[in-house]
Amino acid sequence: MATYAIGDLQGCYDPLRRLLDYISFDPATDRIWLVGDLVNRGPQSLEVLRFVKSLGAAATVVLGNHDLHMVMQAEGFGRTSKEDTFQDVLGAADRDELLDWLRAQPLVHVEGKWAMVHAGLLPVWTVAQAKALSDEASAALMAADYRDFLAHMWGSEPAAWRDDLTGWDRLRVVVNAMTRMRYVTAAGAMEFRAAGAKAPPGSGPPGCVPWFAAPMRASADHCIVCGHWSALGFHEEPNLLALDTGCLWGGCLTAVRLEDRRVMCQPCPQQAELLGWD
């Protein structure tokens, strides 16, 4: 039995299947951890969702910003983008079943000394606190009035955590940190003015550092598995595995076997060609 953590898919179904064949993945005995952003920008979001859902307990998923964007769009919330490519999901006969399944996925998964999240954890959060906050967000996403949460999810404020935060502000900080964050200030607040996924870590605003480089990070006692930052690429530290290696942009799709940290990948140059980016 092996557990493979795999970077951002973003609708890249064919590269996923090639990677699983390459690592000889057996859903009867092995497991895959997917770091979020299953959908959007790539060509086959519907195929990705159907396949991952069909794996049942063999696949462990956390939500990414693109996953939540699609859920919001399905309910009429958030901003549309001409770059969105999940219309196949929204027009599918099984769309409600797929969207309900996606909403049921957590923001954080913790297992032993491993913790998986799409973007990152605020420096003040321990892994136990992050898991509890993820559970709060999941409860809101699965509640009968979940549309109220979606209606208030958008926005970048508050930018910093306080233990006395309540209501939508509290949940918005949780979602933003776990699905959108790349940089934090010296005081530990999120900084969203920095360039996006294609900008390297050194291009952040003055005085800001990547979230995982924040001094005295409370989650440093676990190894955090994450994605979300294609310009960072594969980045390994004793307590970090960053796995977004830009499959969508013509890079590669990366898997790490957690038992021994062996790195395996498949090149994806055809993804850029399919989307006219070559």
C-alpha atoms as a PDB file:
ATOM      1  CA  MET A   1       0.000   0.000   0.000  1.00  0.00           C
ATOM      2  CA  ALA A   2       1.274   3.464  -0.917  1.00  0.00           C
ATOM      3  CA  THR A   3      -0.023   7.020  -0.578  1.00  0.00           C
ATOM      4  CA  TYR A   4       0.726   9.428  -3.419  1.00  0.00           C
ATOM      5  CA  ALA A   5       0.229  13.183  -3.028  1.00  0.00           C
ATOM      6  CA  ILE A   6      -0.453  14.824  -6.401  1.00  0.00           C
ATOM      7  CA  GLY A   7      -0.354  18.464  -7.434  1.00  0.00           C
ATOM      8  CA  ASP A   8      -3.008  20.704  -8.944  1.00  0.00           C
ATOM      9  CA  LEU A   9      -5.041  19.055 -11.728  1.00  0.00           C
ATOM     10  CA  GLN A  10      -7.206  21.956 -12.955  1.00  0.00           C
ATOM     11  CA  GLY A  11      -9.097  19.804 -15.418  1.00  0.00           C
ATOM     12  CA  CYS A  12      -6.027  17.957 -16.770  1.00  0.00           C
ATOM     13  CA  TYR A  13      -7.577  14.499 -16.851  1.00  0.00           C
ATOM     14  CA  ASP A  14      -5.372  12.788 -19.447  1.00  0.00           C
ATOM     15  CA  PRO A  15      -2.106  13.703 -17.659  1.00  0.00           C
ATOM     16  CA  LEU A  16      -3.600  12.403 -14.407  1.00  0.00           C
ATOM     17  CA  ARG A  17      -4.405   9.030 -15.943  1.00  0.00           C
ATOM     18  CA  ARG A  18      -0.928   8.800 -17.480  1.00  0.00           C
ATOM     19  CA  LEU A  19       0.664   9.626 -14.130  1.00  0.00           C
ATOM     20  CA  LEU A  20      -1.425   7.005 -12.337  1.00  0.00           C
ATOM     21  CA  ASP A  21      -0.423   4.419 -14.933  1.00  0.00           C
ATOM     22  CA  TYR A  22       3.226   5.438 -14.527  1.00  0.00           C
ATOM     23  CA  ILE A  23       3.168   4.947 -10.757  1.00  0.00           C
ATOM     24  CA  SER A  24       1.109   1.733 -11.103  1.00  0.00           C
ATOM     25  CA  PHE A  25      -1.614   3.137  -8.887  1.00  0.00           C
ATOM     26  CA  ASP A  26      -3.995   0.437  -7.636  1.00  0.00           C
ATOM     27  CA  PRO A  27      -7.151   1.881  -6.051  1.00  0.00           C
ATOM     28  CA  ALA A  28      -7.727  -1.409  -4.248  1.00  0.00           C
ATOM     29  CA  THR A  29      -4.575  -0.962  -2.168  1.00  0.00           C
ATOM     30  CA  ASP A  30      -3.137   2.522  -2.795  1.00  0.00           C
ATOM     31  CA  ARG A  31      -4.400   6.025  -2.047  1.00  0.00           C
ATOM     32  CA  ILE A  32      -3.987   9.382  -3.726  1.00  0.00           C
ATOM     33  CA  TRP A  33      -4.073  12.756  -2.001  1.00  0.00           C
ATOM     34  CA  LEU A  34      -5.139  15.611  -4.281  1.00  0.00           C
ATOM     35  CA  VAL A  35      -4.140  19.103  -3.138  1.00  0.00           C
ATOM     36  CA  GLY A  36      -7.175  20.924  -4.552  1.00  0.00           C
ATOM     37  CA  ASP A  37      -8.040  22.778  -7.752  1.00  0.00           C
ATOM     38  CA  LEU A  38      -9.411  19.686  -9.398  1.00  0.00           C
ATOM     39  CA  VAL A  39     -11.192  21.878 -11.947  1.00  0.00           C
ATOM     40  CA  ASN A  40     -10.976  24.952 -14.194  1.00  0.00           C
ATOM     41  CA  ARG A  41      -8.672  26.395 -16.832  1.00  0.00           C
ATOM     42  CA  GLY A  42      -7.876  22.913 -18.171  1.00  0.00           C
ATOM     43  CA  PRO A  43      -9.929  21.025 -20.797  1.00  0.00           C
ATOM     44  CA  GLN A  44     -11.530  18.139 -18.868  1.00  0.00           C
ATOM     45  CA  SER A  45     -12.937  19.269 -15.525  1.00  0.00           C
ATOM     46  CA  LEU A  46     -15.967  17.005 -15.850  1.00  0.00           C
ATOM     47  CA  GLU A  47     -13.854  13.910 -16.485  1.00  0.00           C
ATOM     48  CA  VAL A  48     -11.612  14.746 -13.518  1.00  0.00           C
ATOM     49  CA  LEU A  49     -14.534  15.118 -11.118  1.00  0.00           C
ATOM     50  CA  ARG A  50     -16.279  11.962 -12.253  1.00  0.00           C
ATOM     51  CA  PHE A  51     -13.092   9.920 -12.043  1.00  0.00           C
ATOM     52  CA  VAL A  52     -11.917  11.174  -8.658  1.00  0.00           C
ATOM     53  CA  LYS A  53     -15.397  10.766  -7.193  1.00  0.00           C
ATOM     54  CA  SER A  54     -15.521   7.189  -8.523  1.00  0.00           C
ATOM     55  CA  LEU A  55     -12.363   6.323  -6.560  1.00  0.00           C
ATOM     56  CA  GLY A  56     -14.235   6.622  -3.277  1.00  0.00           C
ATOM     57  CA  ALA A  57     -11.994   6.140  -0.241  1.00  0.00           C
ATOM     58  CA  ALA A  58      -8.934   5.678  -2.467  1.00  0.00           C
ATOM     59  CA  ALA A  59      -8.893   9.447  -3.104  1.00  0.00           C
ATOM     60  CA  THR A  60      -8.504  12.112  -0.420  1.00  0.00           C
ATOM     61  CA  VAL A  61      -9.317  15.628  -1.645  1.00  0.00           C
ATOM     62  CA  VAL A  62      -9.056  19.137  -0.209  1.00  0.00           C
ATOM     63  CA  LEU A  63     -10.748  22.129  -1.800  1.00  0.00           C
ATOM     64  CA  GLY A  64      -8.879  24.753  -3.797  1.00  0.00           C
ATOM     65  CA  ASN A  65      -9.849  28.249  -4.874  1.00  0.00           C
ATOM     66  CA  HIS A  66     -10.911  27.098  -8.361  1.00  0.00           C
ATOM     67  CA  ASP A  67     -13.133  24.392  -6.878  1.00  0.00           C
ATOM     68  CA  LEU A  68     -14.874  26.936  -4.670  1.00  0.00           C
ATOM     69  CA  HIS A  69     -15.103  29.400  -7.564  1.00  0.00           C
ATOM     70  CA  MET A  70     -16.999  26.813  -9.585  1.00  0.00           C
ATOM     71  CA  VAL A  71     -19.325  26.020  -6.675  1.00  0.00           C
ATOM     72  CA  MET A  72     -20.040  29.737  -6.272  1.00  0.00           C
ATOM     73  CA  GLN A  73     -20.649  30.194  -9.991  1.00  0.00           C
ATOM     74  CA  ALA A  74     -23.065  27.266  -9.994  1.00  0.00           C
ATOM     75  CA  GLU A  75     -25.148  29.140  -7.414  1.00  0.00           C
ATOM     76  CA  GLY A  76     -24.871  32.540  -9.119  1.00  0.00           C
ATOM     77  CA  PHE A  77     -22.233  34.096  -6.833  1.00  0.00           C
ATOM     78  CA  GLY A  78     -18.783  35.537  -7.425  1.00  0.00           C
ATOM     79  CA  ARG A  79     -17.184  37.011 -10.500  1.00  0.00           C
ATOM     80  CA  THR A  80     -17.256  35.262 -13.847  1.00  0.00           C
ATOM     81  CA  SER A  81     -14.055  34.917 -15.863  1.00  0.00           C
ATOM     82  CA  LYS A  82     -13.554  34.428 -19.576  1.00  0.00           C
ATOM     83  CA  GLU A  83     -10.857  31.900 -18.660  1.00  0.00           C
ATOM     84  CA  ASP A  84     -13.282  29.579 -16.834  1.00  0.00           C
ATOM     85  CA  THR A  85     -13.545  26.139 -18.450  1.00  0.00           C
ATOM     86  CA  PHE A  86     -15.950  24.297 -16.142  1.00  0.00           C
ATOM     87  CA  GLN A  87     -19.080  24.779 -18.245  1.00  0.00           C
ATOM     88  CA  ASP A  88     -18.973  21.050 -18.973  1.00  0.00           C
ATOM     89  CA  VAL A  89     -19.565  20.403 -15.278  1.00  0.00           C
ATOM     90  CA  LEU A  90     -22.350  22.962 -14.928  1.00  0.00           C
ATOM     91  CA  GLY A  91     -24.139  21.554 -17.965  1.00  0.00           C
ATOM     92  CA  ALA A  92     -23.795  17.875 -17.045  1.00  0.00           C
ATOM     93  CA  ALA A  93     -26.766  15.694 -16.153  1.00  0.00           C
ATOM     94  CA  ASP A  94     -25.004  14.717 -12.909  1.00  0.00           C
ATOM     95  CA  ARG A  95     -23.924  18.278 -12.033  1.00  0.00           C
ATOM     96  CA  ASP A  96     -25.832  18.426  -8.735  1.00  0.00           C
ATOM     97  CA  GLU A  97     -24.389  15.122  -7.574  1.00  0.00           C
ATOM     98  CA  LEU A  98     -20.861  16.248  -8.482  1.00  0.00           C
ATOM     99  CA  LEU A  99     -21.247  19.685  -6.887  1.00  0.00           C
ATOM    100  CA  ASP A 100     -22.694  18.206  -3.707  1.00  0.00           C
ATOM    101  CA  TRP A 101     -19.767  15.782  -3.528  1.00  0.00           C
ATOM    102  CA  LEU A 102     -17.291  18.608  -4.058  1.00  0.00           C
ATOM    103  CA  ARG A 103     -18.867  20.775  -1.346  1.00  0.00           C
ATOM    104  CA  ALA A 104     -18.456  17.882   1.063  1.00  0.00           C
ATOM    105  CA  GLN A 105     -14.658  17.873   0.726  1.00  0.00           C
ATOM    106  CA  PRO A 106     -12.637  19.561   3.502  1.00  0.00           C
ATOM    107  CA  LEU A 107     -10.145  22.417   3.345  1.00  0.00           C
ATOM    108  CA  VAL A 108      -7.584  20.538   5.448  1.00  0.00           C
ATOM    109  CA  HIS A 109      -6.791  16.857   5.820  1.00  0.00           C
ATOM    110  CA  VAL A 110      -4.597  15.685   8.703  1.00  0.00           C
ATOM    111  CA  GLU A 111      -3.097  12.242   9.077  1.00  0.00           C
ATOM    112  CA  GLY A 112      -0.329  11.610  11.581  1.00  0.00           C
ATOM    113  CA  LYS A 113       2.406  14.176  11.021  1.00  0.00           C
ATOM    114  CA  TRP A 114       1.086  15.049   7.543  1.00  0.00           C
ATOM    115  CA  ALA A 115      -1.378  17.850   6.799  1.00  0.00           C
ATOM    116  CA  MET A 116      -2.731  18.660   3.333  1.00  0.00           C
ATOM    117  CA  VAL A 117      -4.136  22.049   2.337  1.00  0.00           C
ATOM    118  CA  HIS A 118      -4.426  23.748  -1.045  1.00  0.00           C
ATOM    119  CA  ALA A 119      -2.668  27.078  -0.395  1.00  0.00           C
ATOM    120  CA  GLY A 120      -1.320  27.247   3.148  1.00  0.00           C
ATOM    121  CA  LEU A 121      -1.866  27.868   6.845  1.00  0.00           C
ATOM    122  CA  LEU A 122      -1.577  31.167   8.652  1.00  0.00           C
ATOM    123  CA  PRO A 123       1.593  31.293  10.777  1.00  0.00           C
ATOM    124  CA  VAL A 124      -0.337  31.521  14.074  1.00  0.00           C
ATOM    125  CA  TRP A 125      -2.361  28.363  13.429  1.00  0.00           C
ATOM    126  CA  THR A 126      -1.337  25.014  14.791  1.00  0.00           C
ATOM    127  CA  VAL A 127      -2.394  22.076  12.645  1.00  0.00           C
ATOM    128  CA  ALA A 128      -4.987  21.105  15.242  1.00  0.00           C
ATOM    129  CA  GLN A 129      -6.479  24.609  15.132  1.00  0.00           C
ATOM    130  CA  ALA A 130      -6.429  24.613  11.321  1.00  0.00           C
ATOM    131  CA  LYS A 131      -8.270  21.286  11.256  1.00  0.00           C
ATOM    132  CA  ALA A 132     -10.922  22.646  13.628  1.00  0.00           C
ATOM    133  CA  LEU A 133     -11.347  25.744  11.466  1.00  0.00           C
ATOM    134  CA  SER A 134     -11.579  23.590   8.343  1.00  0.00           C
ATOM    135  CA  ASP A 135     -14.369  21.670  10.057  1.00  0.00           C
ATOM    136  CA  GLU A 136     -16.196  24.959  10.720  1.00  0.00           C
ATOM    137  CA  ALA A 137     -16.000  25.898   7.044  1.00  0.00           C
ATOM    138  CA  SER A 138     -17.121  22.427   5.985  1.00  0.00           C
ATOM    139  CA  ALA A 139     -20.130  22.622   8.270  1.00  0.00           C
ATOM    140  CA  ALA A 140     -21.113  25.914   6.620  1.00  0.00           C
ATOM    141  CA  LEU A 141     -20.630  24.457   3.134  1.00  0.00           C
ATOM    142  CA  MET A 142     -22.803  21.461   3.980  1.00  0.00           C
ATOM    143  CA  ALA A 143     -25.529  23.310   5.907  1.00  0.00           C
ATOM    144  CA  ALA A 144     -29.024  23.641   4.524  1.00  0.00           C
ATOM    145  CA  ASP A 145     -28.416  27.390   4.083  1.00  0.00           C
ATOM    146  CA  TYR A 146     -24.965  26.936   2.469  1.00  0.00           C
ATOM    147  CA  ARG A 147     -25.870  29.490  -0.217  1.00  0.00           C
ATOM    148  CA  ASP A 148     -25.668  32.210   2.446  1.00  0.00           C
ATOM    149  CA  PHE A 149     -22.047  31.256   3.043  1.00  0.00           C
ATOM    150  CA  LEU A 150     -21.295  31.340  -0.691  1.00  0.00           C
ATOM    151  CA  ALA A 151     -22.889  34.773  -0.950  1.00  0.00           C
ATOM    152  CA  HIS A 152     -20.467  36.120   1.693  1.00  0.00           C
ATOM    153  CA  MET A 153     -17.341  34.118   0.811  1.00  0.00           C
ATOM    154  CA  TRP A 154     -15.880  36.558  -1.733  1.00  0.00           C
ATOM    155  CA  GLY A 155     -13.436  39.245  -0.611  1.00  0.00           C
ATOM    156  CA  SER A 156      -9.973  39.686   0.883  1.00  0.00           C
ATOM    157  CA  GLU A 157     -10.901  41.212   4.244  1.00  0.00           C
ATOM    158  CA  PRO A 158     -10.195  40.643   7.051  1.00  0.00           C
ATOM    159  CA  ALA A 159      -6.598  39.907   6.079  1.00  0.00           C
ATOM    160  CA  ALA A 160      -5.449  38.718   9.511  1.00  0.00           C
ATOM    161  CA  TRP A 161      -6.659  36.161  12.011  1.00  0.00           C
ATOM    162  CA  ARG A 162      -8.086  37.057  15.402  1.00  0.00           C
ATOM    163  CA  ASP A 163      -9.489  34.502  17.799  1.00  0.00           C
ATOM    164  CA  ASP A 164     -12.533  36.701  18.400  1.00  0.00           C
ATOM    165  CA  LEU A 165     -13.584  36.760  14.737  1.00  0.00           C
ATOM    166  CA  THR A 166     -17.118  35.511  14.191  1.00  0.00           C
ATOM    167  CA  GLY A 167     -19.597  34.926  11.397  1.00  0.00           C
ATOM    168  CA  TRP A 168     -18.715  35.423   7.750  1.00  0.00           C
ATOM    169  CA  ASP A 169     -15.512  37.319   8.570  1.00  0.00           C
ATOM    170  CA  ARG A 170     -14.177  34.340  10.487  1.00  0.00           C
ATOM    171  CA  LEU A 171     -15.006  31.867   7.735  1.00  0.00           C
ATOM    172  CA  ARG A 172     -13.695  34.191   5.001  1.00  0.00           C
ATOM    173  CA  VAL A 173     -10.268  34.347   6.657  1.00  0.00           C
ATOM    174  CA  VAL A 174     -10.213  30.554   6.885  1.00  0.00           C
ATOM    175  CA  VAL A 175     -11.132  30.070   3.219  1.00  0.00           C
ATOM    176  CA  ASN A 176      -8.737  32.750   1.985  1.00  0.00           C
ATOM    177  CA  ALA A 177      -5.777  31.391   3.913  1.00  0.00           C
ATOM    178  CA  MET A 178      -6.377  27.772   3.008  1.00  0.00           C
ATOM    179  CA  THR A 179      -7.219  28.288  -0.676  1.00  0.00           C
ATOM    180  CA  ARG A 180      -5.726  31.640  -1.842  1.00  0.00           C
ATOM    181  CA  MET A 181      -2.762  32.710   0.316  1.00  0.00           C
ATOM    182  CA  ARG A 182       0.836  32.856  -0.903  1.00  0.00           C
ATOM    183  CA  TYR A 183       2.456  35.709   1.049  1.00  0.00           C
ATOM    184  CA  VAL A 184       2.162  37.005   4.589  1.00  0.00           C
ATOM    185  CA  THR A 185       3.415  40.194   6.199  1.00  0.00           C
ATOM    186  CA  ALA A 186       5.806  40.338   9.136  1.00  0.00           C
ATOM    187  CA  ALA A 187       2.733  40.546  11.361  1.00  0.00           C
ATOM    188  CA  GLY A 188       1.272  37.379   9.826  1.00  0.00           C
ATOM    189  CA  ALA A 189      -1.488  39.007   7.742  1.00  0.00           C
ATOM    190  CA  MET A 190      -2.292  37.759   4.241  1.00  0.00           C
ATOM    191  CA  GLU A 191      -1.012  39.874   1.357  1.00  0.00           C
ATOM    192  CA  PHE A 192      -3.015  39.503  -1.860  1.00  0.00           C
ATOM    193  CA  ARG A 193      -1.519  42.414  -3.811  1.00  0.00           C
ATOM    194  CA  ALA A 194       1.364  40.200  -4.919  1.00  0.00           C
ATOM    195  CA  ALA A 195       1.433  38.719  -8.396  1.00  0.00           C
ATOM    196  CA  GLY A 196      -0.288  35.409  -8.886  1.00  0.00           C
ATOM    197  CA  ALA A 197       0.663  31.799  -9.460  1.00  0.00           C
ATOM    198  CA  LYS A 198       3.166  32.541 -12.237  1.00  0.00           C
ATOM    199  CA  ALA A 199       5.219  34.968 -10.112  1.00  0.00           C
ATOM    200  CA  PRO A 200       8.212  33.480  -8.248  1.00  0.00           C
ATOM    201  CA  PRO A 201       8.474  33.764  -4.455  1.00  0.00           C
ATOM    202  CA  GLY A 202      11.058  36.550  -4.590  1.00  0.00           C
ATOM    203  CA  SER A 203       8.611  38.881  -6.358  1.00  0.00           C
ATOM    204  CA  GLY A 204       6.428  39.483  -3.311  1.00  0.00           C
ATOM    205  CA  PRO A 205       5.763  42.909  -1.802  1.00  0.00           C
ATOM    206  CA  PRO A 206       8.480  44.423   0.409  1.00  0.00           C
ATOM    207  CA  GLY A 207       8.409  43.027   3.911  1.00  0.00           C
ATOM    208  CA  CYS A 208       6.426  39.927   2.907  1.00  0.00           C
ATOM    209  CA  VAL A 209       7.530  36.298   2.816  1.00  0.00           C
ATOM    210  CA  PRO A 210       5.963  33.087   1.536  1.00  0.00           C
ATOM    211  CA  TRP A 211       3.594  31.805   4.212  1.00  0.00           C
ATOM    212  CA  PHE A 212       5.734  28.732   4.868  1.00  0.00           C
ATOM    213  CA  ALA A 213       8.818  30.885   5.528  1.00  0.00           C
ATOM    214  CA  ALA A 214       7.189  32.898   8.320  1.00  0.00           C
ATOM    215  CA  PRO A 215       9.279  32.783  11.531  1.00  0.00           C
ATOM    216  CA  MET A 216       7.889  30.675  14.358  1.00  0.00           C
ATOM    217  CA  ARG A 217       5.218  29.104  12.125  1.00  0.00           C
ATOM    218  CA  ALA A 218       3.021  27.106  14.511  1.00  0.00           C
ATOM    219  CA  SER A 219       2.352  24.337  11.966  1.00  0.00           C
ATOM    220  CA  ALA A 220       6.052  23.580  11.461  1.00  0.00           C
ATOM    221  CA  ASP A 221       5.763  20.406  13.546  1.00  0.00           C
ATOM    222  CA  HIS A 222       3.856  18.762  10.654  1.00  0.00           C
ATOM    223  CA  CYS A 223       4.816  18.299   7.036  1.00  0.00           C
ATOM    224  CA  ILE A 224       2.393  20.442   5.017  1.00  0.00           C
ATOM    225  CA  VAL A 225       1.433  19.130   1.563  1.00  0.00           C
ATOM    226  CA  CYS A 226       0.136  21.911  -0.668  1.00  0.00           C
ATOM    227  CA  GLY A 227      -0.140  23.289  -4.206  1.00  0.00           C
ATOM    228  CA  HIS A 228      -1.529  26.570  -5.598  1.00  0.00           C
ATOM    229  CA  TRP A 229       1.779  28.183  -6.623  1.00  0.00           C
ATOM    230  CA  SER A 230       2.988  26.992 -10.032  1.00  0.00           C
ATOM    231  CA  ALA A 231       5.922  29.437 -10.166  1.00  0.00           C
ATOM    232  CA  LEU A 232       7.234  27.972  -6.926  1.00  0.00           C
ATOM    233  CA  GLY A 233       7.203  24.576  -8.589  1.00  0.00           C
ATOM    234  CA  PHE A 234       8.210  21.482  -6.685  1.00  0.00           C
ATOM    235  CA  HIS A 235       9.593  22.682  -3.375  1.00  0.00           C
ATOM    236  CA  GLU A 236      10.632  20.340  -0.599  1.00  0.00           C
ATOM    237  CA  GLU A 237      11.663  21.084   2.955  1.00  0.00           C
ATOM    238  CA  PRO A 238      11.575  18.792   5.986  1.00  0.00           C
ATOM    239  CA  ASN A 239       8.130  20.168   6.858  1.00  0.00           C
ATOM    240  CA  LEU A 240       6.837  21.125   3.395  1.00  0.00           C
ATOM    241  CA  LEU A 241       5.953  19.497   0.075  1.00  0.00           C
ATOM    242  CA  ALA A 242       4.730  22.011  -2.528  1.00  0.00           C
ATOM    243  CA  LEU A 243       3.455  20.114  -5.567  1.00  0.00           C
ATOM    244  CA  ASP A 244       2.036  22.547  -8.136  1.00  0.00           C
ATOM    245  CA  THR A 245       4.432  22.009 -11.051  1.00  0.00           C
ATOM    246  CA  GLY A 246       2.333  23.747 -13.689  1.00  0.00           C
ATOM    247  CA  CYS A 247       0.709  20.887 -15.567  1.00  0.00           C
ATOM    248  CA  LEU A 248      -1.915  23.326 -16.816  1.00  0.00           C
ATOM    249  CA  TRP A 249       0.770  25.624 -18.229  1.00  0.00           C
ATOM    250  CA  GLY A 250       2.609  22.878 -20.084  1.00  0.00           C
ATOM    251  CA  GLY A 251       4.846  21.858 -17.180  1.00  0.00           C
ATOM    252  CA  CYS A 252       4.410  18.500 -15.500  1.00  0.00           C
ATOM    253  CA  LEU A 253       2.117  16.714 -13.068  1.00  0.00           C
ATOM    254  CA  THR A 254       3.945  15.597  -9.945  1.00  0.00           C
ATOM    255  CA  ALA A 255       3.297  12.863  -7.409  1.00  0.00           C
ATOM    256  CA  VAL A 256       5.234  12.197  -4.207  1.00  0.00           C
ATOM    257  CA  ARG A 257       5.015   8.848  -2.452  1.00  0.00           C
ATOM    258  CA  LEU A 258       4.657   9.914   1.158  1.00  0.00           C
ATOM    259  CA  GLU A 259       6.163   6.774   2.643  1.00  0.00           C
ATOM    260  CA  ASP A 260       9.633   7.547   1.242  1.00  0.00           C
ATOM    261  CA  ARG A 261       9.174  10.947  -0.465  1.00  0.00           C
ATOM    262  CA  ARG A 262      10.025   9.526  -3.860  1.00  0.00           C
ATOM    263  CA  VAL A 263       9.138  12.077  -6.545  1.00  0.00           C
ATOM    264  CA  MET A 264       7.506  10.980  -9.807  1.00  0.00           C
ATOM    265  CA  CYS A 265       6.164  13.149 -12.593  1.00  0.00           C
ATOM    266  CA  GLN A 266       4.781  13.157 -16.102  1.00  0.00           C
ATOM    267  CA  PRO A 267       5.439  15.979 -18.593  1.00  0.00           C
ATOM    268  CA  CYS A 268       2.358  17.830 -19.842  1.00  0.00           C
ATOM    269  CA  PRO A 269       3.464  19.942 -22.836  1.00  0.00           C
ATOM    270  CA  GLN A 270       0.285  19.067 -24.696  1.00  0.00           C
ATOM    271  CA  GLN A 271      -1.854  20.972 -22.175  1.00  0.00           C
ATOM    272  CA  ALA A 272      -0.505  24.322 -23.344  1.00  0.00           C
ATOM    273  CA  GLU A 273      -0.966  23.279 -26.968  1.00  0.00           C
ATOM    274  CA  LEU A 274      -4.586  22.241 -26.351  1.00  0.00           C
ATOM    275  CA  LEU A 275      -5.424  25.633 -24.885  1.00  0.00           C
ATOM    276  CA  GLY A 276      -3.532  27.644 -27.475  1.00  0.00           C
ATOM    277  CA  TRP A 277      -0.756  28.764 -25.117  1.00  0.00           C
ATOM    278  CA  ASP A 278       2.120  27.202 -27.023  1.00  0.00           C
END
